[in-house]
Structure formats: structure tokens, C-alpha cells
Amino acid sequence: MLLKPESKWTSTQKIRAELLFERYPLLKTAYELAMRLNYIFENTKVKELAFTRLAQWYNKIELSKIESFGTVARSI
């Protein structure tokens, strides 16, 4: 469930996600950041737009203070 976009979740997965994210808000943040990065790579064809979106994503990473994403951001 956490490896695919919310739009592809079944109704049962939506209920599970709601419960999970309610109890673990940091997991919800991590999921949203991962899906946002996935969206950038899959849907952005214009280089300049990609840089802008990645910069915005990077700013969200800094605010989230999730160490693992900081490693990913520095790699990019």
C-alpha cells in the first residue's frame, strides 16, 4: 500500500492508511514526500520545471527533518 499512489489503493487500503497515518503522522509525511518525488520523476519532462519542483521538494525535506530523505536529497 505504501509503495503505490493513493489513487490506486483499494477501499480496504484507504481505511488501513487512515488508521496508520492517524497513529503515525511522521509516516504520513514520509509517504507524501516519497509520492511527490515519484510524481516529479514520472511526470516532469521539462528540465527547468523539474529543477523547480525538486527545489520545492527539497525545502519540504528540510522542514520534515526526516534523516533518510535528507540522504536522498543530497544524492540528487
N, C-alpha and C. Protein backbone atom coordinates (compact mmCIF):
# COMPACT_ATOMS: atom_id res chain seq x y z
N MET A 1 0.82 -1.18 0.00
CA MET A 1 0.00 0.00 0.00
C MET A 1 0.88 1.26 0.00
N LEU A 2 1.92 1.27 0.79
CA LEU A 2 2.76 2.46 0.89
C LEU A 2 3.68 2.65 -0.31
N LEU A 3 3.71 1.68 -1.18
CA LEU A 3 4.57 1.76 -2.35
C LEU A 3 3.85 2.21 -3.61
N LYS A 4 2.55 2.47 -3.47
CA LYS A 4 1.81 2.90 -4.66
C LYS A 4 0.99 4.16 -4.35
N PRO A 5 0.64 4.88 -5.39
CA PRO A 5 -0.12 6.13 -5.18
C PRO A 5 -1.48 5.87 -4.54
N GLU A 6 -1.94 6.84 -3.80
CA GLU A 6 -3.22 6.74 -3.12
C GLU A 6 -4.36 6.45 -4.09
N SER A 7 -4.25 6.96 -5.30
CA SER A 7 -5.30 6.76 -6.31
C SER A 7 -5.46 5.29 -6.70
N LYS A 8 -4.46 4.47 -6.39
CA LYS A 8 -4.52 3.05 -6.74
C LYS A 8 -4.83 2.16 -5.53
N TRP A 9 -5.13 2.77 -4.40
CA TRP A 9 -5.48 2.00 -3.22
C TRP A 9 -6.89 1.43 -3.33
N THR A 10 -7.07 0.26 -2.76
CA THR A 10 -8.42 -0.31 -2.66
C THR A 10 -9.12 0.38 -1.49
N SER A 11 -10.40 0.14 -1.35
CA SER A 11 -11.15 0.75 -0.24
C SER A 11 -10.61 0.28 1.11
N THR A 12 -10.21 -0.98 1.18
CA THR A 12 -9.64 -1.52 2.42
C THR A 12 -8.30 -0.84 2.73
N GLN A 13 -7.51 -0.63 1.70
CA GLN A 13 -6.22 0.03 1.91
C GLN A 13 -6.40 1.48 2.36
N LYS A 14 -7.42 2.14 1.86
CA LYS A 14 -7.70 3.51 2.28
C LYS A 14 -8.01 3.56 3.77
N ILE A 15 -8.79 2.61 4.24
CA ILE A 15 -9.13 2.54 5.66
C ILE A 15 -7.88 2.26 6.49
N ARG A 16 -7.06 1.31 6.04
CA ARG A 16 -5.82 0.99 6.74
C ARG A 16 -4.90 2.20 6.81
N ALA A 17 -4.78 2.89 5.69
CA ALA A 17 -3.91 4.07 5.63
C ALA A 17 -4.39 5.15 6.60
N GLU A 18 -5.67 5.36 6.63
CA GLU A 18 -6.24 6.36 7.54
C GLU A 18 -5.87 6.04 8.98
N LEU A 19 -6.04 4.79 9.37
CA LEU A 19 -5.70 4.37 10.72
C LEU A 19 -4.20 4.49 10.99
N LEU A 20 -3.42 4.06 10.04
CA LEU A 20 -1.97 4.08 10.17
C LEU A 20 -1.44 5.50 10.27
N PHE A 21 -1.89 6.36 9.38
CA PHE A 21 -1.42 7.75 9.35
C PHE A 21 -1.90 8.54 10.56
N GLU A 22 -3.06 8.15 11.09
CA GLU A 22 -3.58 8.80 12.29
C GLU A 22 -2.66 8.52 13.48
N ARG A 23 -2.18 7.29 13.55
CA ARG A 23 -1.32 6.89 14.67
C ARG A 23 0.13 7.29 14.46
N TYR A 24 0.55 7.36 13.20
CA TYR A 24 1.94 7.66 12.87
C TYR A 24 2.02 8.80 11.85
N PRO A 25 1.85 10.03 12.30
CA PRO A 25 1.84 11.17 11.37
C PRO A 25 3.17 11.34 10.61
N LEU A 26 4.28 10.93 11.21
CA LEU A 26 5.56 11.03 10.52
C LEU A 26 5.60 10.08 9.31
N LEU A 27 4.96 8.95 9.45
CA LEU A 27 4.86 8.01 8.33
C LEU A 27 4.05 8.62 7.19
N LYS A 28 3.01 9.34 7.53
CA LYS A 28 2.21 10.02 6.51
C LYS A 28 3.06 11.05 5.77
N THR A 29 3.84 11.81 6.51
CA THR A 29 4.73 12.79 5.90
C THR A 29 5.72 12.12 4.97
N ALA A 30 6.31 11.03 5.41
CA ALA A 30 7.27 10.29 4.60
C ALA A 30 6.61 9.75 3.33
N TYR A 31 5.42 9.23 3.46
CA TYR A 31 4.68 8.72 2.30
C TYR A 31 4.43 9.84 1.30
N GLU A 32 3.96 10.96 1.78
CA GLU A 32 3.66 12.09 0.89
C GLU A 32 4.92 12.60 0.18
N LEU A 33 6.03 12.66 0.90
CA LEU A 33 7.29 13.10 0.29
C LEU A 33 7.76 12.12 -0.78
N ALA A 34 7.64 10.84 -0.49
CA ALA A 34 8.05 9.82 -1.46
C ALA A 34 7.18 9.87 -2.71
N MET A 35 5.87 10.03 -2.53
CA MET A 35 4.96 10.10 -3.67
C MET A 35 5.20 11.37 -4.50
N ARG A 36 5.54 12.44 -3.82
CA ARG A 36 5.82 13.71 -4.52
C ARG A 36 7.07 13.57 -5.39
N LEU A 37 8.11 12.93 -4.84
CA LEU A 37 9.33 12.71 -5.62
C LEU A 37 9.04 11.80 -6.81
N ASN A 38 8.28 10.77 -6.58
CA ASN A 38 7.89 9.86 -7.65
C ASN A 38 7.15 10.61 -8.75
N TYR A 39 6.24 11.49 -8.36
CA TYR A 39 5.49 12.29 -9.32
C TYR A 39 6.43 13.16 -10.16
N ILE A 40 7.39 13.78 -9.51
CA ILE A 40 8.33 14.64 -10.23
C ILE A 40 9.06 13.85 -11.31
N PHE A 41 9.57 12.69 -10.95
CA PHE A 41 10.33 11.89 -11.91
C PHE A 41 9.46 11.32 -13.03
N GLU A 42 8.24 10.96 -12.71
CA GLU A 42 7.38 10.33 -13.72
C GLU A 42 6.68 11.33 -14.63
N ASN A 43 6.42 12.54 -14.15
CA ASN A 43 5.55 13.45 -14.90
C ASN A 43 6.19 14.75 -15.35
N THR A 44 7.43 14.98 -15.02
CA THR A 44 8.05 16.24 -15.40
C THR A 44 9.02 16.00 -16.55
N LYS A 45 8.71 16.61 -17.68
CA LYS A 45 9.52 16.42 -18.89
C LYS A 45 10.44 17.61 -19.18
N VAL A 46 10.10 18.77 -18.64
CA VAL A 46 10.86 19.99 -18.89
C VAL A 46 11.91 20.15 -17.78
N LYS A 47 13.17 20.23 -18.17
CA LYS A 47 14.28 20.26 -17.23
C LYS A 47 14.15 21.39 -16.19
N GLU A 48 13.83 22.59 -16.63
CA GLU A 48 13.74 23.72 -15.72
C GLU A 48 12.61 23.53 -14.69
N LEU A 49 11.51 22.99 -15.16
CA LEU A 49 10.38 22.71 -14.26
C LEU A 49 10.77 21.63 -13.25
N ALA A 50 11.51 20.64 -13.71
CA ALA A 50 11.97 19.58 -12.82
C ALA A 50 12.86 20.15 -11.71
N PHE A 51 13.77 21.05 -12.08
CA PHE A 51 14.64 21.67 -11.07
C PHE A 51 13.82 22.46 -10.05
N THR A 52 12.82 23.18 -10.52
CA THR A 52 11.96 23.95 -9.63
C THR A 52 11.21 23.03 -8.67
N ARG A 53 10.62 21.99 -9.22
CA ARG A 53 9.86 21.04 -8.38
C ARG A 53 10.78 20.33 -7.38
N LEU A 54 11.98 19.97 -7.83
CA LEU A 54 12.92 19.32 -6.92
C LEU A 54 13.36 20.28 -5.80
N ALA A 55 13.53 21.55 -6.13
CA ALA A 55 13.89 22.54 -5.12
C ALA A 55 12.77 22.67 -4.08
N GLN A 56 11.53 22.68 -4.55
CA GLN A 56 10.39 22.76 -3.62
C GLN A 56 10.33 21.50 -2.76
N TRP A 57 10.57 20.36 -3.38
CA TRP A 57 10.58 19.08 -2.66
C TRP A 57 11.68 19.09 -1.61
N TYR A 58 12.85 19.59 -2.00
CA TYR A 58 13.99 19.67 -1.07
C TYR A 58 13.64 20.54 0.13
N ASN A 59 12.96 21.65 -0.09
CA ASN A 59 12.55 22.52 1.02
C ASN A 59 11.63 21.78 1.99
N LYS A 60 10.73 20.98 1.44
CA LYS A 60 9.83 20.20 2.29
C LYS A 60 10.62 19.16 3.09
N ILE A 61 11.66 18.60 2.47
CA ILE A 61 12.51 17.63 3.16
C ILE A 61 13.17 18.29 4.37
N GLU A 62 13.72 19.47 4.16
CA GLU A 62 14.37 20.18 5.26
C GLU A 62 13.40 20.45 6.41
N LEU A 63 12.18 20.82 6.07
CA LEU A 63 11.17 21.09 7.10
C LEU A 63 10.74 19.82 7.84
N SER A 64 10.74 18.70 7.13
CA SER A 64 10.27 17.44 7.72
C SER A 64 11.26 16.88 8.74
N LYS A 65 12.53 17.17 8.56
CA LYS A 65 13.60 16.68 9.44
C LYS A 65 13.67 15.14 9.46
N ILE A 66 13.26 14.52 8.37
CA ILE A 66 13.38 13.06 8.26
C ILE A 66 14.76 12.77 7.64
N GLU A 67 15.63 12.19 8.44
CA GLU A 67 17.02 12.00 8.05
C GLU A 67 17.20 11.21 6.75
N SER A 68 16.43 10.19 6.56
CA SER A 68 16.57 9.35 5.36
C SER A 68 16.33 10.14 4.09
N PHE A 69 15.37 11.03 4.12
CA PHE A 69 15.09 11.85 2.94
C PHE A 69 16.19 12.87 2.70
N GLY A 70 16.84 13.31 3.77
CA GLY A 70 17.97 14.21 3.61
C GLY A 70 19.08 13.55 2.82
N THR A 71 19.30 12.27 3.07
CA THR A 71 20.30 11.50 2.33
C THR A 71 19.91 11.42 0.86
N VAL A 72 18.66 11.15 0.58
CA VAL A 72 18.17 11.08 -0.80
C VAL A 72 18.34 12.44 -1.48
N ALA A 73 17.94 13.49 -0.79
CA ALA A 73 18.02 14.84 -1.36
C ALA A 73 19.47 15.21 -1.70
N ARG A 74 20.40 14.87 -0.83
CA ARG A 74 21.80 15.18 -1.11
C ARG A 74 22.31 14.36 -2.27
N SER A 75 21.81 13.16 -2.45
CA SER A 75 22.23 12.31 -3.58
C SER A 75 21.76 12.88 -4.91
N ILE A 76 20.59 13.49 -4.91
CA ILE A 76 20.03 14.07 -6.13
C ILE A 76 20.80 15.32 -6.46
